[in-house]
């Protein structure tokens, strides 16, 4: 299943409901490819993350937790700014 920004414009309750469904699909062996800026969704679902630069180059492929905890890398990708708290 390929999803592009599936939680955009959803309220928090709907995001949790949708994430639960995706987690169930993952747990039964379905492959999910999700493009998102919502870190919560990535932490819940993604074993691996591909982080892209603003000009669509691959900056890093790897463990989701490691990528999302690398503030300098996220700044380089322009998904957060210097003031963002991880």
N, C-alpha and C. Protein backbone atom coordinates (compact mmCIF):
# COMPACT_ATOMS: atom_id res chain seq x y z
N UNK A 1 0.84 -1.15 0.00
CA UNK A 1 0.00 0.00 0.00
C UNK A 1 0.90 1.23 0.00
N UNK A 2 0.65 2.17 -0.89
CA UNK A 2 1.42 3.41 -0.97
C UNK A 2 0.49 4.57 -0.61
N UNK A 3 0.91 5.37 0.38
CA UNK A 3 0.09 6.47 0.87
C UNK A 3 0.90 7.76 0.87
N UNK A 4 0.37 8.80 0.28
CA UNK A 4 1.04 10.09 0.22
C UNK A 4 0.32 11.07 1.15
N UNK A 5 0.99 11.42 2.24
CA UNK A 5 0.45 12.34 3.25
C UNK A 5 -0.97 11.95 3.67
N UNK A 6 -1.17 10.70 4.12
CA UNK A 6 -2.53 10.23 4.40
C UNK A 6 -3.22 10.89 5.59
N UNK A 7 -2.46 11.56 6.45
CA UNK A 7 -3.09 12.16 7.64
C UNK A 7 -3.28 13.67 7.52
N UNK A 8 -2.96 14.22 6.36
CA UNK A 8 -3.18 15.66 6.19
C UNK A 8 -4.66 15.99 6.36
N UNK A 9 -4.91 17.07 7.06
CA UNK A 9 -6.25 17.60 7.29
C UNK A 9 -7.12 16.71 8.17
N UNK A 10 -6.52 15.73 8.85
CA UNK A 10 -7.27 14.92 9.79
C UNK A 10 -7.08 15.46 11.20
N UNK A 11 -8.11 15.36 12.01
CA UNK A 11 -8.00 15.76 13.42
C UNK A 11 -7.23 14.67 14.17
N UNK A 12 -6.72 14.99 15.36
CA UNK A 12 -5.91 14.02 16.11
C UNK A 12 -6.60 12.68 16.35
N UNK A 13 -7.88 12.69 16.65
CA UNK A 13 -8.61 11.44 16.88
C UNK A 13 -8.64 10.59 15.61
N UNK A 14 -8.87 11.21 14.48
CA UNK A 14 -8.90 10.48 13.20
C UNK A 14 -7.52 9.95 12.84
N UNK A 15 -6.47 10.73 13.15
CA UNK A 15 -5.10 10.27 12.88
C UNK A 15 -4.82 9.01 13.70
N UNK A 16 -5.20 9.00 14.97
CA UNK A 16 -4.98 7.82 15.81
C UNK A 16 -5.75 6.61 15.28
N UNK A 17 -6.99 6.82 14.86
CA UNK A 17 -7.80 5.75 14.31
C UNK A 17 -7.16 5.19 13.03
N UNK A 18 -6.74 6.07 12.15
CA UNK A 18 -6.12 5.66 10.89
C UNK A 18 -4.79 4.94 11.15
N UNK A 19 -4.00 5.46 12.08
CA UNK A 19 -2.72 4.83 12.42
C UNK A 19 -2.94 3.42 12.97
N UNK A 20 -4.01 3.24 13.74
CA UNK A 20 -4.32 1.92 14.29
C UNK A 20 -4.62 0.93 13.17
N UNK A 21 -5.36 1.36 12.17
CA UNK A 21 -5.67 0.51 11.02
C UNK A 21 -4.39 0.16 10.27
N UNK A 22 -3.54 1.15 10.03
CA UNK A 22 -2.28 0.89 9.33
C UNK A 22 -1.40 -0.06 10.13
N UNK A 23 -1.37 0.10 11.45
CA UNK A 23 -0.58 -0.80 12.29
C UNK A 23 -1.09 -2.23 12.20
N UNK A 24 -2.39 -2.40 12.16
CA UNK A 24 -2.97 -3.74 12.01
C UNK A 24 -2.56 -4.36 10.67
N UNK A 25 -2.57 -3.56 9.62
CA UNK A 25 -2.14 -4.05 8.31
C UNK A 25 -0.67 -4.47 8.35
N UNK A 26 0.15 -3.63 8.97
CA UNK A 26 1.58 -3.95 9.10
C UNK A 26 1.78 -5.23 9.89
N UNK A 27 1.03 -5.38 10.97
CA UNK A 27 1.18 -6.54 11.84
C UNK A 27 0.80 -7.86 11.17
N UNK A 28 -0.02 -7.81 10.12
CA UNK A 28 -0.37 -9.03 9.39
C UNK A 28 0.50 -9.21 8.15
N UNK A 29 1.57 -8.39 8.07
CA UNK A 29 2.55 -8.61 7.01
C UNK A 29 2.42 -7.75 5.76
N UNK A 30 1.54 -6.78 5.78
CA UNK A 30 1.39 -5.91 4.62
C UNK A 30 2.52 -4.89 4.60
N UNK A 31 2.99 -4.59 3.40
CA UNK A 31 4.02 -3.57 3.23
C UNK A 31 3.35 -2.23 3.04
N UNK A 32 3.79 -1.24 3.82
CA UNK A 32 3.26 0.11 3.73
C UNK A 32 4.38 1.06 3.34
N UNK A 33 4.13 1.88 2.36
CA UNK A 33 5.04 2.97 2.00
C UNK A 33 4.26 4.25 2.24
N UNK A 34 4.77 5.06 3.16
CA UNK A 34 4.03 6.26 3.58
C UNK A 34 4.92 7.48 3.47
N UNK A 35 4.43 8.48 2.77
CA UNK A 35 5.08 9.79 2.71
C UNK A 35 4.37 10.69 3.71
N UNK A 36 5.12 11.22 4.69
CA UNK A 36 4.48 12.03 5.72
C UNK A 36 5.49 12.94 6.41
N UNK A 37 4.96 14.00 7.01
CA UNK A 37 5.75 14.87 7.87
C UNK A 37 5.36 14.64 9.34
N UNK A 38 4.43 13.75 9.59
CA UNK A 38 3.97 13.49 10.95
C UNK A 38 4.87 12.46 11.61
N UNK A 39 5.73 12.92 12.49
CA UNK A 39 6.70 12.06 13.15
C UNK A 39 6.01 10.98 13.99
N UNK A 40 4.90 11.31 14.62
CA UNK A 40 4.18 10.33 15.44
C UNK A 40 3.81 9.10 14.62
N UNK A 41 3.34 9.33 13.42
CA UNK A 41 2.95 8.23 12.53
C UNK A 41 4.17 7.38 12.18
N UNK A 42 5.29 8.04 11.91
CA UNK A 42 6.51 7.30 11.58
C UNK A 42 6.98 6.45 12.76
N UNK A 43 6.97 7.03 13.96
CA UNK A 43 7.39 6.28 15.15
C UNK A 43 6.50 5.05 15.37
N UNK A 44 5.21 5.16 15.08
CA UNK A 44 4.29 4.04 15.28
C UNK A 44 4.43 2.96 14.22
N UNK A 45 4.76 3.35 12.98
CA UNK A 45 4.65 2.41 11.87
C UNK A 45 5.94 2.04 11.18
N UNK A 46 6.89 2.95 11.11
CA UNK A 46 8.02 2.76 10.20
C UNK A 46 9.21 2.10 10.87
N UNK A 47 9.61 0.98 10.33
CA UNK A 47 10.86 0.35 10.77
C UNK A 47 12.04 1.07 10.13
N UNK A 48 11.86 1.45 8.88
CA UNK A 48 12.90 2.14 8.11
C UNK A 48 12.33 3.43 7.53
N UNK A 49 13.21 4.41 7.37
CA UNK A 49 12.82 5.70 6.81
C UNK A 49 13.81 6.09 5.73
N UNK A 50 13.28 6.69 4.69
CA UNK A 50 14.11 7.31 3.65
C UNK A 50 13.86 8.80 3.77
N UNK A 51 14.89 9.55 4.11
CA UNK A 51 14.77 10.99 4.28
C UNK A 51 15.26 11.69 3.03
N UNK A 52 14.41 12.53 2.46
CA UNK A 52 14.74 13.24 1.23
C UNK A 52 15.10 14.69 1.51
N UNK A 53 15.97 15.24 0.67
CA UNK A 53 16.32 16.65 0.74
C UNK A 53 15.24 17.47 0.05
N UNK A 54 15.28 18.79 0.21
CA UNK A 54 14.30 19.63 -0.48
C UNK A 54 14.35 19.48 -2.01
N UNK A 55 15.52 19.10 -2.54
CA UNK A 55 15.61 18.90 -3.99
C UNK A 55 15.48 17.42 -4.37
N UNK A 56 14.89 16.64 -3.46
CA UNK A 56 14.50 15.24 -3.70
C UNK A 56 15.66 14.25 -3.81
N UNK A 57 16.81 14.59 -3.24
CA UNK A 57 17.91 13.63 -3.14
C UNK A 57 17.72 12.82 -1.86
N UNK A 58 18.19 11.60 -1.87
CA UNK A 58 18.14 10.78 -0.66
C UNK A 58 19.27 11.22 0.27
N UNK A 59 18.89 11.69 1.45
CA UNK A 59 19.88 12.10 2.45
C UNK A 59 20.31 10.93 3.32
N UNK A 60 19.35 10.07 3.68
CA UNK A 60 19.70 8.94 4.53
C UNK A 60 18.59 7.90 4.46
N UNK A 61 19.01 6.65 4.52
CA UNK A 61 18.11 5.51 4.61
C UNK A 61 18.52 4.76 5.86
N UNK A 62 17.57 4.46 6.72
CA UNK A 62 17.95 3.71 7.91
C UNK A 62 16.84 3.59 8.92
N UNK A 63 17.24 3.26 10.13
CA UNK A 63 16.34 3.08 11.25
C UNK A 63 15.58 4.38 11.52
N UNK A 64 14.27 4.28 11.61
CA UNK A 64 13.42 5.46 11.80
C UNK A 64 13.80 6.25 13.04
N UNK A 65 13.96 5.56 14.16
CA UNK A 65 14.27 6.26 15.42
C UNK A 65 15.58 7.04 15.30
N UNK A 66 16.60 6.42 14.73
CA UNK A 66 17.90 7.10 14.57
C UNK A 66 17.77 8.34 13.68
N UNK A 67 17.05 8.21 12.60
CA UNK A 67 16.89 9.35 11.69
C UNK A 67 16.12 10.48 12.36
N UNK A 68 15.02 10.14 13.03
CA UNK A 68 14.18 11.18 13.64
C UNK A 68 14.81 11.82 14.87
N UNK A 69 15.86 11.21 15.39
CA UNK A 69 16.57 11.81 16.53
C UNK A 69 17.78 12.61 16.09
N UNK A 70 18.07 12.66 14.80
CA UNK A 70 19.22 13.40 14.27
C UNK A 70 18.76 14.79 13.83
N UNK A 71 18.77 15.71 14.79
CA UNK A 71 18.24 17.06 14.55
C UNK A 71 18.94 17.75 13.38
N UNK A 72 20.26 17.64 13.28
CA UNK A 72 20.97 18.30 12.19
C UNK A 72 20.56 17.76 10.83
N UNK A 73 20.33 16.46 10.76
CA UNK A 73 19.89 15.86 9.51
C UNK A 73 18.49 16.34 9.14
N UNK A 74 17.61 16.43 10.12
CA UNK A 74 16.24 16.91 9.86
C UNK A 74 16.23 18.38 9.45
N UNK A 75 17.14 19.16 10.01
CA UNK A 75 17.26 20.56 9.60
C UNK A 75 17.74 20.63 8.15
N UNK A 76 18.74 19.81 7.81
CA UNK A 76 19.24 19.76 6.43
C UNK A 76 18.12 19.38 5.46
N UNK A 77 17.24 18.49 5.87
CA UNK A 77 16.13 18.06 5.02
C UNK A 77 14.99 19.09 5.01
N UNK A 78 15.10 20.09 5.88
CA UNK A 78 14.10 21.16 6.01
C UNK A 78 12.73 20.64 6.45
N UNK A 79 12.74 19.58 7.27
CA UNK A 79 11.48 19.12 7.85
C UNK A 79 11.28 19.71 9.24
N UNK A 80 12.36 20.25 9.82
CA UNK A 80 12.26 21.03 11.06
C UNK A 80 13.20 22.23 10.91
N UNK A 81 13.06 23.18 11.85
CA UNK A 81 14.02 24.29 11.89
C UNK A 81 14.81 24.21 13.18
N UNK A 82 15.72 25.14 13.37
CA UNK A 82 16.63 25.11 14.53
C UNK A 82 15.90 25.17 15.86
N UNK A 83 14.71 25.75 15.89
CA UNK A 83 13.99 25.93 17.15
C UNK A 83 13.13 24.72 17.51
N UNK A 84 13.01 23.75 16.63
CA UNK A 84 12.17 22.58 16.87
C UNK A 84 12.75 21.72 18.00
N UNK A 85 11.90 21.30 18.91
CA UNK A 85 12.32 20.42 20.02
C UNK A 85 11.96 19.00 19.68
N UNK A 86 12.96 18.13 19.71
CA UNK A 86 12.71 16.70 19.42
C UNK A 86 12.33 16.01 20.70
